[in-house]
C-alpha atoms as a PDB file:
ATOM      1  CA  MET A   1      45.389 -30.144  81.788  1.00  0.00           C
ATOM      2  CA  GLN A   2      44.139 -28.657  78.524  1.00  0.00           C
ATOM      3  CA  LYS A   3      43.162 -25.395  80.289  1.00  0.00           C
ATOM      4  CA  LEU A   4      46.599 -25.211  81.889  1.00  0.00           C
ATOM      5  CA  LEU A   5      48.279 -25.752  78.527  1.00  0.00           C
ATOM      6  CA  LEU A   6      46.072 -23.075  76.929  1.00  0.00           C
ATOM      7  CA  ARG A   7      46.923 -20.569  79.678  1.00  0.00           C
ATOM      8  CA  PHE A   8      50.630 -21.368  79.377  1.00  0.00           C
ATOM      9  CA  THR A   9      50.510 -20.912  75.599  1.00  0.00           C
ATOM     10  CA  ALA A  10      48.654 -17.599  75.927  1.00  0.00           C
ATOM     11  CA  THR A  11      51.089 -16.358  78.580  1.00  0.00           C
ATOM     12  CA  LEU A  12      54.049 -17.386  76.423  1.00  0.00           C
ATOM     13  CA  ALA A  13      52.542 -15.543  73.448  1.00  0.00           C
ATOM     14  CA  VAL A  14      52.232 -12.339  75.498  1.00  0.00           C
ATOM     15  CA  ALA A  15      55.756 -12.714  76.817  1.00  0.00           C
ATOM     16  CA  LEU A  16      57.154 -13.127  73.323  1.00  0.00           C
ATOM     17  CA  THR A  17      55.160 -10.154  72.065  1.00  0.00           C
ATOM     18  CA  LEU A  18      56.399  -7.961  74.886  1.00  0.00           C
ATOM     19  CA  LEU A  19      60.026  -9.023  74.426  1.00  0.00           C
ATOM     20  CA  THR A  20      60.272  -6.551  71.564  1.00  0.00           C
ATOM     21  CA  GLY A  21      59.629  -3.780  74.115  1.00  0.00           C
ATOM     22  CA  PRO A  22      61.973  -2.474  76.808  1.00  0.00           C
ATOM     23  CA  ALA A  23      64.669  -4.723  78.272  1.00  0.00           C
ATOM     24  CA  GLN A  24      62.869  -4.677  81.607  1.00  0.00           C
ATOM     25  CA  ALA A  25      59.617  -3.522  83.105  1.00  0.00           C
ATOM     26  CA  LEU A  26      59.130   0.077  84.057  1.00  0.00           C
ATOM     27  CA  GLU A  27      60.356   0.578  87.600  1.00  0.00           C
ATOM     28  CA  LYS A  28      59.524   2.648  90.658  1.00  0.00           C
ATOM     29  CA  GLY A  29      60.581   6.266  90.262  1.00  0.00           C
ATOM     30  CA  ALA A  30      60.267   6.315  86.461  1.00  0.00           C
ATOM     31  CA  ALA A  31      58.032   8.819  84.712  1.00  0.00           C
ATOM     32  CA  ALA A  32      54.892   7.034  83.564  1.00  0.00           C
ATOM     33  CA  PRO A  33      54.825   6.824  79.744  1.00  0.00           C
ATOM     34  CA  GLU A  34      51.916   8.532  78.038  1.00  0.00           C
ATOM     35  CA  ILE A  35      48.794   6.576  77.293  1.00  0.00           C
ATOM     36  CA  ALA A  36      46.727   8.078  74.501  1.00  0.00           C
ATOM     37  CA  LEU A  37      44.061   5.645  73.348  1.00  0.00           C
ATOM     38  CA  LYS A  38      40.294   5.480  73.066  1.00  0.00           C
ATOM     39  CA  THR A  39      38.232   3.738  75.686  1.00  0.00           C
ATOM     40  CA  LEU A  40      36.075   0.814  74.657  1.00  0.00           C
ATOM     41  CA  SER A  41      33.175   3.271  74.565  1.00  0.00           C
ATOM     42  CA  GLY A  42      35.112   5.444  72.079  1.00  0.00           C
ATOM     43  CA  GLU A  43      36.206   8.303  74.340  1.00  0.00           C
ATOM     44  CA  PRO A  44      39.808   9.518  74.030  1.00  0.00           C
ATOM     45  CA  ILE A  45      41.879   9.287  77.196  1.00  0.00           C
ATOM     46  CA  LYS A  46      45.359  10.615  77.927  1.00  0.00           C
ATOM     47  CA  LEU A  47      47.335   9.804  81.034  1.00  0.00           C
ATOM     48  CA  SER A  48      48.879  13.294  80.996  1.00  0.00           C
ATOM     49  CA  ALA A  49      45.385  14.754  81.509  1.00  0.00           C
ATOM     50  CA  LEU A  50      45.172  12.867  84.824  1.00  0.00           C
ATOM     51  CA  LYS A  51      48.128  14.584  86.526  1.00  0.00           C
ATOM     52  CA  GLY A  52      47.127  15.623  90.017  1.00  0.00           C
ATOM     53  CA  LYS A  53      45.317  12.318  90.524  1.00  0.00           C
ATOM     54  CA  VAL A  54      46.569   8.941  91.684  1.00  0.00           C
ATOM     55  CA  VAL A  55      46.224   6.491  88.791  1.00  0.00           C
ATOM     56  CA  LEU A  56      46.200   2.714  88.953  1.00  0.00           C
ATOM     57  CA  ILE A  57      46.934   1.310  85.490  1.00  0.00           C
ATOM     58  CA  ASP A  58      46.080  -2.376  85.222  1.00  0.00           C
ATOM     59  CA  PHE A  59      47.221  -4.479  82.250  1.00  0.00           C
ATOM     60  CA  TRP A  60      44.927  -7.454  81.694  1.00  0.00           C
ATOM     61  CA  ALA A  61      43.705  -9.953  79.109  1.00  0.00           C
ATOM     62  CA  SER A  62      40.496 -11.922  78.671  1.00  0.00           C
ATOM     63  CA  TRP A  63      42.319 -15.274  78.822  1.00  0.00           C
ATOM     64  CA  CYS A  64      44.043 -14.449  82.127  1.00  0.00           C
ATOM     65  CA  ALA A  65      42.593 -16.315  85.140  1.00  0.00           C
ATOM     66  CA  PRO A  66      44.163 -14.011  87.785  1.00  0.00           C
ATOM     67  CA  CYS A  67      42.650 -11.057  85.878  1.00  0.00           C
ATOM     68  CA  ARG A  68      39.204 -12.471  86.680  1.00  0.00           C
ATOM     69  CA  GLU A  69      40.153 -12.418  90.349  1.00  0.00           C
ATOM     70  CA  SER A  70      41.537  -8.883  90.248  1.00  0.00           C
ATOM     71  CA  MET A  71      38.662  -7.166  88.414  1.00  0.00           C
ATOM     72  CA  PRO A  72      36.204  -7.105  91.349  1.00  0.00           C
ATOM     73  CA  PHE A  73      38.974  -5.754  93.588  1.00  0.00           C
ATOM     74  CA  LEU A  74      39.859  -3.028  91.058  1.00  0.00           C
ATOM     75  CA  GLU A  75      36.189  -2.088  90.788  1.00  0.00           C
ATOM     76  CA  LYS A  76      35.953  -1.847  94.580  1.00  0.00           C
ATOM     77  CA  LEU A  77      39.028   0.399  94.677  1.00  0.00           C
ATOM     78  CA  SER A  78      37.622   2.587  91.928  1.00  0.00           C
ATOM     79  CA  GLN A  79      34.270   2.980  93.661  1.00  0.00           C
ATOM     80  CA  SER A  80      35.782   3.513  97.122  1.00  0.00           C
ATOM     81  CA  TYR A  81      38.420   6.098  96.213  1.00  0.00           C
ATOM     82  CA  LYS A  82      37.376   7.894  93.026  1.00  0.00           C
ATOM     83  CA  GLY A  83      35.916  10.702  95.128  1.00  0.00           C
ATOM     84  CA  GLN A  84      39.341  11.149  96.733  1.00  0.00           C
ATOM     85  CA  GLY A  85      41.210  11.393  93.435  1.00  0.00           C
ATOM     86  CA  LEU A  86      41.892   7.786  92.353  1.00  0.00           C
ATOM     87  CA  VAL A  87      41.499   6.871  88.695  1.00  0.00           C
ATOM     88  CA  VAL A  88      41.613   3.199  87.701  1.00  0.00           C
ATOM     89  CA  LEU A  89      42.441   2.581  84.047  1.00  0.00           C
ATOM     90  CA  GLY A  90      42.301  -0.896  82.566  1.00  0.00           C
ATOM     91  CA  VAL A  91      44.598  -1.609  79.621  1.00  0.00           C
ATOM     92  CA  ASN A  92      43.405  -4.703  77.783  1.00  0.00           C
ATOM     93  CA  ILE A  93      46.001  -6.361  75.547  1.00  0.00           C
ATOM     94  CA  ASP A  94      43.740  -8.756  73.623  1.00  0.00           C
ATOM     95  CA  ASN A  95      44.313  -8.753  69.869  1.00  0.00           C
ATOM     96  CA  ASP A  96      40.565  -8.967  69.377  1.00  0.00           C
ATOM     97  CA  VAL A  97      38.597  -6.252  71.182  1.00  0.00           C
ATOM     98  CA  ALA A  98      35.518  -8.512  71.043  1.00  0.00           C
ATOM     99  CA  ALA A  99      37.207 -10.823  73.577  1.00  0.00           C
ATOM    100  CA  ALA A 100      37.656  -7.876  75.952  1.00  0.00           C
ATOM    101  CA  ARG A 101      34.033  -6.818  75.521  1.00  0.00           C
ATOM    102  CA  LYS A 102      32.832 -10.371  76.226  1.00  0.00           C
ATOM    103  CA  PHE A 103      34.987 -10.538  79.365  1.00  0.00           C
ATOM    104  CA  LEU A 104      33.577  -7.210  80.591  1.00  0.00           C
ATOM    105  CA  LYS A 105      29.989  -8.377  80.031  1.00  0.00           C
ATOM    106  CA  GLU A 106      30.737 -11.210  82.441  1.00  0.00           C
ATOM    107  CA  MET A 107      32.735  -9.000  84.835  1.00  0.00           C
ATOM    108  CA  PRO A 108      31.421  -5.449  84.406  1.00  0.00           C
ATOM    109  CA  VAL A 109      33.432  -2.496  85.694  1.00  0.00           C
ATOM    110  CA  SER A 110      32.668   1.202  85.881  1.00  0.00           C
ATOM    111  CA  PHE A 111      36.234   2.410  85.374  1.00  0.00           C
ATOM    112  CA  GLN A 112      37.622   3.216  81.932  1.00  0.00           C
ATOM    113  CA  VAL A 113      39.150   0.474  79.810  1.00  0.00           C
ATOM    114  CA  VAL A 114      41.242   0.853  76.663  1.00  0.00           C
ATOM    115  CA  ASN A 115      42.308  -1.841  74.215  1.00  0.00           C
ATOM    116  CA  ASP A 116      46.009  -1.969  73.346  1.00  0.00           C
ATOM    117  CA  ALA A 117      45.863  -4.544  70.547  1.00  0.00           C
ATOM    118  CA  GLN A 118      48.959  -2.995  68.915  1.00  0.00           C
ATOM    119  CA  LYS A 119      50.812  -3.358  72.258  1.00  0.00           C
ATOM    120  CA  GLN A 120      52.135   0.230  72.072  1.00  0.00           C
ATOM    121  CA  VAL A 121      51.356   0.953  75.721  1.00  0.00           C
ATOM    122  CA  ALA A 122      52.402  -2.547  76.837  1.00  0.00           C
ATOM    123  CA  LYS A 123      55.785  -2.094  75.143  1.00  0.00           C
ATOM    124  CA  ALA A 124      56.303   1.221  76.940  1.00  0.00           C
ATOM    125  CA  TYR A 125      55.416  -0.205  80.358  1.00  0.00           C
ATOM    126  CA  GLY A 126      56.735  -3.766  79.950  1.00  0.00           C
ATOM    127  CA  PRO A 127      54.275  -5.556  82.236  1.00  0.00           C
ATOM    128  CA  PRO A 128      56.086  -8.644  83.544  1.00  0.00           C
ATOM    129  CA  THR A 129      52.934 -10.794  83.672  1.00  0.00           C
ATOM    130  CA  MET A 130      49.155 -10.612  83.407  1.00  0.00           C
ATOM    131  CA  PRO A 131      47.766  -8.862  85.254  1.00  0.00           C
ATOM    132  CA  SER A 132      50.284  -6.186  86.185  1.00  0.00           C
ATOM    133  CA  SER A 133      49.366  -2.945  87.929  1.00  0.00           C
ATOM    134  CA  TYR A 134      51.235   0.330  88.053  1.00  0.00           C
ATOM    135  CA  ILE A 135      50.359   2.861  90.735  1.00  0.00           C
ATOM    136  CA  ILE A 136      51.173   6.343  89.462  1.00  0.00           C
ATOM    137  CA  ASP A 137      51.410   9.238  91.903  1.00  0.00           C
ATOM    138  CA  LYS A 138      49.929  12.711  91.426  1.00  0.00           C
ATOM    139  CA  ARG A 139      53.117  13.920  89.692  1.00  0.00           C
ATOM    140  CA  GLY A 140      52.942  11.175  87.046  1.00  0.00           C
ATOM    141  CA  VAL A 141      55.713   9.041  88.567  1.00  0.00           C
ATOM    142  CA  VAL A 142      55.517   5.266  89.027  1.00  0.00           C
ATOM    143  CA  HIS A 143      55.163   4.631  92.751  1.00  0.00           C
ATOM    144  CA  VAL A 144      54.999   0.834  92.622  1.00  0.00           C
ATOM    145  CA  VAL A 145      54.596  -2.062  90.174  1.00  0.00           C
ATOM    146  CA  HIS A 146      52.588  -5.151  91.117  1.00  0.00           C
ATOM    147  CA  ALA A 147      53.227  -8.213  88.937  1.00  0.00           C
ATOM    148  CA  GLY A 148      50.345 -10.656  89.050  1.00  0.00           C
ATOM    149  CA  PHE A 149      47.477 -10.609  91.526  1.00  0.00           C
ATOM    150  CA  ARG A 150      46.938 -12.555  94.690  1.00  0.00           C
ATOM    151  CA  ARG A 151      44.074 -11.823  97.075  1.00  0.00           C
ATOM    152  CA  ALA A 152      46.671 -11.538  99.848  1.00  0.00           C
ATOM    153  CA  ASP A 153      48.091  -8.465  98.038  1.00  0.00           C
ATOM    154  CA  ALA A 154      44.796  -6.545  98.125  1.00  0.00           C
ATOM    155  CA  ALA A 155      45.314  -4.863 101.511  1.00  0.00           C
ATOM    156  CA  LYS A 156      48.861  -3.810 100.581  1.00  0.00           C
ATOM    157  CA  ILE A 157      47.714  -2.317  97.258  1.00  0.00           C
ATOM    158  CA  GLU A 158      44.889  -0.445  98.964  1.00  0.00           C
ATOM    159  CA  ALA A 159      47.269   0.912 101.632  1.00  0.00           C
ATOM    160  CA  GLU A 160      49.683   2.114  98.923  1.00  0.00           C
ATOM    161  CA  ILE A 161      46.884   3.969  97.170  1.00  0.00           C
ATOM    162  CA  LYS A 162      45.603   5.512 100.396  1.00  0.00           C
ATOM    163  CA  SER A 163      49.112   6.760 101.213  1.00  0.00           C
ATOM    164  CA  LEU A 164      49.231   8.662  97.907  1.00  0.00           C
ATOM    165  CA  LEU A 165      45.758  10.216  97.997  1.00  0.00           C
END
């Protein structure tokens, strides 16, 4: 019960933080807002530099249980399709980057991860829940938004990516 209450409180905190952003989440057909942050390893990354590639942007947090389920799937996608032009970019919204680093030690990934502690990127995208994934096509347009993660969605997400590559 205590874990459930903690997750609810954390989810509510994110929701309240994101309420100061757009009235609704970014939708299919919208131009993907720029992301210009440094990765956790200190390298600058800009979404605009990835035009011509399919990009899966995944918003996640260390306290998010479904994020733990989605990370291995995202890593598999990254490894399977990076040679065909897929870039997976994790956007961590933890206030404390140390929490993100600890999470990634337990669930390592090879794709790039940025920390959005100031919620600048989260406000621009308006993720409806944690995790939320945005599949961006080669022109920089949002193809689809996935709110949450369920294992049953994995095949659909992979098919959407394959259709854009």
